[in-house]
Amino acid sequence: EFSRECLEFVGVREGFDREATTLA
């Protein structure tokens, strides 16, 4: 829950289950 909140705080609101290194 806290990790999701941190992601949303920095502006990453979707794709949580994607491999991180595939993101822009």
PDB file of all heavy atoms in Angstrom:
ATOM      1  N   GLU A   1       0.828  -1.204   0.000  1.00  0.00           N
ATOM      2  CA  GLU A   1       0.000   0.000   0.000  1.00  0.00           C
ATOM      3  C   GLU A   1       0.865   1.258   0.000  1.00  0.00           C
ATOM      4  O   GLU A   1       0.618   2.204  -0.764  1.00  0.00           O
ATOM      5  CB  GLU A   1      -0.937   0.000   1.210  1.00  0.00           C
ATOM      6  CG  GLU A   1      -1.851   1.210   1.278  1.00  0.00           C
ATOM      7  CD  GLU A   1      -2.779   1.176   2.480  1.00  0.00           C
ATOM      8  OE1 GLU A   1      -2.722   0.204   3.268  1.00  0.00           O
ATOM      9  OE2 GLU A   1      -3.564   2.133   2.647  1.00  0.00           O
ATOM     10  N   PHE A   2       1.884   1.280   0.852  1.00  0.00           N
ATOM     11  CA  PHE A   2       2.738   2.465   0.934  1.00  0.00           C
ATOM     12  C   PHE A   2       3.555   2.633  -0.348  1.00  0.00           C
ATOM     13  O   PHE A   2       3.771   3.755  -0.815  1.00  0.00           O
ATOM     14  CB  PHE A   2       3.673   2.370   2.141  1.00  0.00           C
ATOM     15  CG  PHE A   2       4.484   3.621   2.366  1.00  0.00           C
ATOM     16  CD1 PHE A   2       3.873   4.787   2.819  1.00  0.00           C
ATOM     17  CD2 PHE A   2       5.851   3.638   2.132  1.00  0.00           C
ATOM     18  CE1 PHE A   2       4.606   5.938   3.025  1.00  0.00           C
ATOM     19  CE2 PHE A   2       6.595   4.795   2.326  1.00  0.00           C
ATOM     20  CZ  PHE A   2       5.963   5.951   2.780  1.00  0.00           C
ATOM     21  N   SER A   3       3.998   1.529  -0.940  1.00  0.00           N
ATOM     22  CA  SER A   3       4.773   1.596  -2.180  1.00  0.00           C
ATOM     23  C   SER A   3       3.917   2.152  -3.311  1.00  0.00           C
ATOM     24  O   SER A   3       4.387   2.957  -4.125  1.00  0.00           O
ATOM     25  CB  SER A   3       5.316   0.210  -2.545  1.00  0.00           C
ATOM     26  OG  SER A   3       6.207  -0.260  -1.555  1.00  0.00           O
ATOM     27  N   ARG A   4       2.669   1.731  -3.384  1.00  0.00           N
ATOM     28  CA  ARG A   4       1.753   2.276  -4.386  1.00  0.00           C
ATOM     29  C   ARG A   4       1.545   3.775  -4.169  1.00  0.00           C
ATOM     30  O   ARG A   4       1.515   4.552  -5.127  1.00  0.00           O
ATOM     31  CB  ARG A   4       0.406   1.550  -4.322  1.00  0.00           C
ATOM     32  CG  ARG A   4       0.432   0.136  -4.867  1.00  0.00           C
ATOM     33  CD  ARG A   4      -0.916  -0.559  -4.675  1.00  0.00           C
ATOM     34  NE  ARG A   4      -0.892  -1.920  -5.196  1.00  0.00           N
ATOM     35  CZ  ARG A   4      -1.172  -2.251  -6.444  1.00  0.00           C
ATOM     36  NH1 ARG A   4      -1.515  -1.288  -7.312  1.00  0.00           N
ATOM     37  NH2 ARG A   4      -1.123  -3.502  -6.858  1.00  0.00           N
ATOM     38  N   GLU A   5       1.438   4.166  -2.928  1.00  0.00           N
ATOM     39  CA  GLU A   5       1.247   5.588  -2.620  1.00  0.00           C
ATOM     40  C   GLU A   5       2.467   6.398  -3.050  1.00  0.00           C
ATOM     41  O   GLU A   5       2.336   7.507  -3.588  1.00  0.00           O
ATOM     42  CB  GLU A   5       0.977   5.752  -1.119  1.00  0.00           C
ATOM     43  CG  GLU A   5       0.471   7.118  -0.714  1.00  0.00           C
ATOM     44  CD  GLU A   5       1.602   8.088  -0.435  1.00  0.00           C
ATOM     45  OE1 GLU A   5       2.648   7.651   0.077  1.00  0.00           O
ATOM     46  OE2 GLU A   5       1.440   9.293  -0.721  1.00  0.00           O
ATOM     47  N   CYS A   6       3.670   5.851  -2.845  1.00  0.00           N
ATOM     48  CA  CYS A   6       4.898   6.535  -3.263  1.00  0.00           C
ATOM     49  C   CYS A   6       4.936   6.687  -4.777  1.00  0.00           C
ATOM     50  O   CYS A   6       5.328   7.749  -5.301  1.00  0.00           O
ATOM     51  CB  CYS A   6       6.133   5.770  -2.781  1.00  0.00           C
ATOM     52  SG  CYS A   6       6.436   5.879  -1.005  1.00  0.00           S
ATOM     53  N   LEU A   7       4.543   5.650  -5.494  1.00  0.00           N
ATOM     54  CA  LEU A   7       4.518   5.711  -6.957  1.00  0.00           C
ATOM     55  C   LEU A   7       3.535   6.766  -7.450  1.00  0.00           C
ATOM     56  O   LEU A   7       3.843   7.559  -8.343  1.00  0.00           O
ATOM     57  CB  LEU A   7       4.165   4.344  -7.535  1.00  0.00           C
ATOM     58  CG  LEU A   7       5.291   3.319  -7.552  1.00  0.00           C
ATOM     59  CD1 LEU A   7       4.755   1.907  -7.763  1.00  0.00           C
ATOM     60  CD2 LEU A   7       6.311   3.668  -8.641  1.00  0.00           C
ATOM     61  N   GLU A   8       2.351   6.787  -6.864  1.00  0.00           N
ATOM     62  CA  GLU A   8       1.364   7.774  -7.275  1.00  0.00           C
ATOM     63  C   GLU A   8       1.838   9.186  -6.947  1.00  0.00           C
ATOM     64  O   GLU A   8       1.599  10.129  -7.710  1.00  0.00           O
ATOM     65  CB  GLU A   8       0.023   7.469  -6.606  1.00  0.00           C
ATOM     66  CG  GLU A   8      -0.612   6.188  -7.130  1.00  0.00           C
ATOM     67  CD  GLU A   8      -1.869   5.794  -6.378  1.00  0.00           C
ATOM     68  OE1 GLU A   8      -2.235   6.515  -5.420  1.00  0.00           O
ATOM     69  OE2 GLU A   8      -2.477   4.773  -6.749  1.00  0.00           O
ATOM     70  N   PHE A   9       2.536   9.332  -5.832  1.00  0.00           N
ATOM     71  CA  PHE A   9       3.054  10.644  -5.434  1.00  0.00           C
ATOM     72  C   PHE A   9       4.021  11.205  -6.469  1.00  0.00           C
ATOM     73  O   PHE A   9       4.009  12.405  -6.769  1.00  0.00           O
ATOM     74  CB  PHE A   9       3.746  10.547  -4.075  1.00  0.00           C
ATOM     75  CG  PHE A   9       4.322  11.842  -3.582  1.00  0.00           C
ATOM     76  CD1 PHE A   9       3.521  12.769  -2.934  1.00  0.00           C
ATOM     77  CD2 PHE A   9       5.664  12.153  -3.781  1.00  0.00           C
ATOM     78  CE1 PHE A   9       4.049  13.978  -2.486  1.00  0.00           C
ATOM     79  CE2 PHE A   9       6.197  13.346  -3.348  1.00  0.00           C
ATOM     80  CZ  PHE A   9       5.380  14.272  -2.690  1.00  0.00           C
ATOM     81  N   VAL A  10       4.863  10.341  -7.045  1.00  0.00           N
ATOM     82  CA  VAL A  10       5.854  10.819  -8.019  1.00  0.00           C
ATOM     83  C   VAL A  10       5.281  10.888  -9.433  1.00  0.00           C
ATOM     84  O   VAL A  10       5.975  11.294 -10.365  1.00  0.00           O
ATOM     85  CB  VAL A  10       7.132   9.953  -8.020  1.00  0.00           C
ATOM     86  CG1 VAL A  10       7.772   9.935  -6.627  1.00  0.00           C
ATOM     87  CG2 VAL A  10       6.850   8.542  -8.509  1.00  0.00           C
ATOM     88  N   GLY A  11       4.021  10.468  -9.599  1.00  0.00           N
ATOM     89  CA  GLY A  11       3.389  10.598 -10.906  1.00  0.00           C
ATOM     90  C   GLY A  11       3.330   9.331 -11.732  1.00  0.00           C
ATOM     91  O   GLY A  11       3.019   9.383 -12.924  1.00  0.00           O
ATOM     92  N   VAL A  12       3.623   8.182 -11.118  1.00  0.00           N
ATOM     93  CA  VAL A  12       3.481   6.896 -11.811  1.00  0.00           C
ATOM     94  C   VAL A  12       2.205   6.255 -11.279  1.00  0.00           C
ATOM     95  O   VAL A  12       2.166   5.770 -10.146  1.00  0.00           O
ATOM     96  CB  VAL A  12       4.696   5.979 -11.567  1.00  0.00           C
ATOM     97  CG1 VAL A  12       4.507   4.640 -12.280  1.00  0.00           C
ATOM     98  CG2 VAL A  12       5.976   6.652 -12.032  1.00  0.00           C
ATOM     99  N   ARG A  13       1.164   6.250 -12.096  1.00  0.00           N
ATOM    100  CA  ARG A  13      -0.162   5.847 -11.611  1.00  0.00           C
ATOM    101  C   ARG A  13      -0.682   4.572 -12.247  1.00  0.00           C
ATOM    102  O   ARG A  13      -1.808   4.152 -11.963  1.00  0.00           O
ATOM    103  CB  ARG A  13      -1.162   6.993 -11.839  1.00  0.00           C
ATOM    104  CG  ARG A  13      -0.798   8.249 -11.042  1.00  0.00           C
ATOM    105  CD  ARG A  13      -1.783   9.379 -11.233  1.00  0.00           C
ATOM    106  NE  ARG A  13      -1.449  10.496 -10.369  1.00  0.00           N
ATOM    107  CZ  ARG A  13      -0.569  11.451 -10.687  1.00  0.00           C
ATOM    108  NH1 ARG A  13       0.034  11.409 -11.874  1.00  0.00           N
ATOM    109  NH2 ARG A  13      -0.313  12.420  -9.846  1.00  0.00           N
ATOM    110  N   GLU A  14       0.123   3.951 -13.102  1.00  0.00           N
ATOM    111  CA  GLU A  14      -0.302   2.709 -13.730  1.00  0.00           C
ATOM    112  C   GLU A  14       0.924   1.903 -14.137  1.00  0.00           C
ATOM    113  O   GLU A  14       2.056   2.394 -14.045  1.00  0.00           O
ATOM    114  CB  GLU A  14      -1.174   2.996 -14.959  1.00  0.00           C
ATOM    115  CG  GLU A  14      -0.474   3.836 -16.010  1.00  0.00           C
ATOM    116  CD  GLU A  14      -1.412   4.188 -17.167  1.00  0.00           C
ATOM    117  OE1 GLU A  14      -2.602   3.879 -17.078  1.00  0.00           O
ATOM    118  OE2 GLU A  14      -0.919   4.757 -18.154  1.00  0.00           O
ATOM    119  N   GLY A  15       0.682   0.665 -14.560  1.00  0.00           N
ATOM    120  CA  GLY A  15       1.790  -0.190 -14.983  1.00  0.00           C
ATOM    121  C   GLY A  15       2.619  -0.716 -13.837  1.00  0.00           C
ATOM    122  O   GLY A  15       3.795  -1.057 -14.024  1.00  0.00           O
ATOM    123  N   PHE A  16       2.033  -0.845 -12.640  1.00  0.00           N
ATOM    124  CA  PHE A  16       2.788  -1.305 -11.477  1.00  0.00           C
ATOM    125  C   PHE A  16       3.334  -2.719 -11.651  1.00  0.00           C
ATOM    126  O   PHE A  16       4.333  -3.075 -11.031  1.00  0.00           O
ATOM    127  CB  PHE A  16       1.920  -1.251 -10.216  1.00  0.00           C
ATOM    128  CG  PHE A  16       1.509   0.132  -9.785  1.00  0.00           C
ATOM    129  CD1 PHE A  16       0.579   0.307  -8.769  1.00  0.00           C
ATOM    130  CD2 PHE A  16       2.052   1.264 -10.382  1.00  0.00           C
ATOM    131  CE1 PHE A  16       0.191   1.576  -8.363  1.00  0.00           C
ATOM    132  CE2 PHE A  16       1.672   2.538  -9.980  1.00  0.00           C
ATOM    133  CZ  PHE A  16       0.735   2.698  -8.978  1.00  0.00           C
ATOM    134  N   ASP A  17       2.654  -3.525 -12.473  1.00  0.00           N
ATOM    135  CA  ASP A  17       3.069  -4.916 -12.659  1.00  0.00           C
ATOM    136  C   ASP A  17       4.010  -5.102 -13.847  1.00  0.00           C
ATOM    137  O   ASP A  17       4.428  -6.215 -14.137  1.00  0.00           O
ATOM    138  CB  ASP A  17       1.838  -5.808 -12.840  1.00  0.00           C
ATOM    139  CG  ASP A  17       0.985  -5.871 -11.578  1.00  0.00           C
ATOM    140  OD1 ASP A  17       1.564  -5.760 -10.481  1.00  0.00           O
ATOM    141  OD2 ASP A  17      -0.248  -6.005 -11.690  1.00  0.00           O
ATOM    142  N   ARG A  18       4.342  -4.018 -14.527  1.00  0.00           N
ATOM    143  CA  ARG A  18       5.288  -4.102 -15.632  1.00  0.00           C
ATOM    144  C   ARG A  18       6.710  -4.213 -15.102  1.00  0.00           C
ATOM    145  O   ARG A  18       7.028  -3.731 -14.010  1.00  0.00           O
ATOM    146  CB  ARG A  18       5.199  -2.853 -16.518  1.00  0.00           C
ATOM    147  CG  ARG A  18       3.981  -2.776 -17.392  1.00  0.00           C
ATOM    148  CD  ARG A  18       4.014  -1.527 -18.256  1.00  0.00           C
ATOM    149  NE  ARG A  18       5.210  -1.445 -19.088  1.00  0.00           N
ATOM    150  CZ  ARG A  18       5.457  -0.447 -19.929  1.00  0.00           C
ATOM    151  NH1 ARG A  18       4.598   0.575 -20.022  1.00  0.00           N
ATOM    152  NH2 ARG A  18       6.547  -0.437 -20.665  1.00  0.00           N
ATOM    153  N   GLU A  19       7.581  -4.845 -15.897  1.00  0.00           N
ATOM    154  CA  GLU A  19       9.000  -4.843 -15.547  1.00  0.00           C
ATOM    155  C   GLU A  19       9.494  -3.408 -15.585  1.00  0.00           C
ATOM    156  O   GLU A  19       9.296  -2.696 -16.571  1.00  0.00           O
ATOM    157  CB  GLU A  19       9.786  -5.709 -16.532  1.00  0.00           C
ATOM    158  CG  GLU A  19      11.242  -5.897 -16.147  1.00  0.00           C
ATOM    159  CD  GLU A  19      11.961  -6.861 -17.079  1.00  0.00           C
ATOM    160  OE1 GLU A  19      11.356  -7.894 -17.426  1.00  0.00           O
ATOM    161  OE2 GLU A  19      13.103  -6.549 -17.462  1.00  0.00           O
ATOM    162  N   ALA A  20      10.136  -2.962 -14.526  1.00  0.00           N
ATOM    163  CA  ALA A  20      10.471  -1.554 -14.366  1.00  0.00           C
ATOM    164  C   ALA A  20      11.329  -1.010 -15.506  1.00  0.00           C
ATOM    165  O   ALA A  20      11.156   0.131 -15.938  1.00  0.00           O
ATOM    166  CB  ALA A  20      11.171  -1.332 -13.024  1.00  0.00           C
ATOM    167  N   THR A  21      12.253  -1.833 -15.992  1.00  0.00           N
ATOM    168  CA  THR A  21      13.191  -1.347 -17.014  1.00  0.00           C
ATOM    169  C   THR A  21      12.554  -1.235 -18.396  1.00  0.00           C
ATOM    170  O   THR A  21      13.218  -0.810 -19.338  1.00  0.00           O
ATOM    171  CB  THR A  21      14.430  -2.252 -17.081  1.00  0.00           C
ATOM    172  OG1 THR A  21      14.035  -3.612 -17.258  1.00  0.00           O
ATOM    173  CG2 THR A  21      15.244  -2.130 -15.793  1.00  0.00           C
ATOM    174  N   THR A  22      11.278  -1.612 -18.525  1.00  0.00           N
ATOM    175  CA  THR A  22      10.584  -1.439 -19.816  1.00  0.00           C
ATOM    176  C   THR A  22       9.856  -0.102 -19.894  1.00  0.00           C
ATOM    177  O   THR A  22       9.316   0.242 -20.950  1.00  0.00           O
ATOM    178  CB  THR A  22       9.570  -2.573 -20.055  1.00  0.00           C
ATOM    179  OG1 THR A  22       8.505  -2.476 -19.098  1.00  0.00           O
ATOM    180  CG2 THR A  22      10.236  -3.932 -19.957  1.00  0.00           C
ATOM    181  N   LEU A  23       9.834   0.639 -18.803  1.00  0.00           N
ATOM    182  CA  LEU A  23       9.179   1.939 -18.806  1.00  0.00           C
ATOM    183  C   LEU A  23      10.002   2.951 -19.594  1.00  0.00           C
ATOM    184  O   LEU A  23      11.214   2.780 -19.776  1.00  0.00           O
ATOM    185  CB  LEU A  23       9.000   2.460 -17.374  1.00  0.00           C
ATOM    186  CG  LEU A  23       8.074   1.687 -16.434  1.00  0.00           C
ATOM    187  CD1 LEU A  23       8.058   2.364 -15.075  1.00  0.00           C
ATOM    188  CD2 LEU A  23       6.673   1.584 -16.992  1.00  0.00           C
ATOM    189  N   ALA A  24       9.346   4.028 -20.016  1.00  0.00           N
ATOM    190  CA  ALA A  24      10.078   5.145 -20.620  1.00  0.00           C
ATOM    191  C   ALA A  24      11.089   5.679 -19.608  1.00  0.00           C
ATOM    192  O   ALA A  24      10.882   5.601 -18.394  1.00  0.00           O
ATOM    193  CB  ALA A  24       9.099   6.243 -21.032  1.00  0.00           C
TER     194      ALA A  24
END
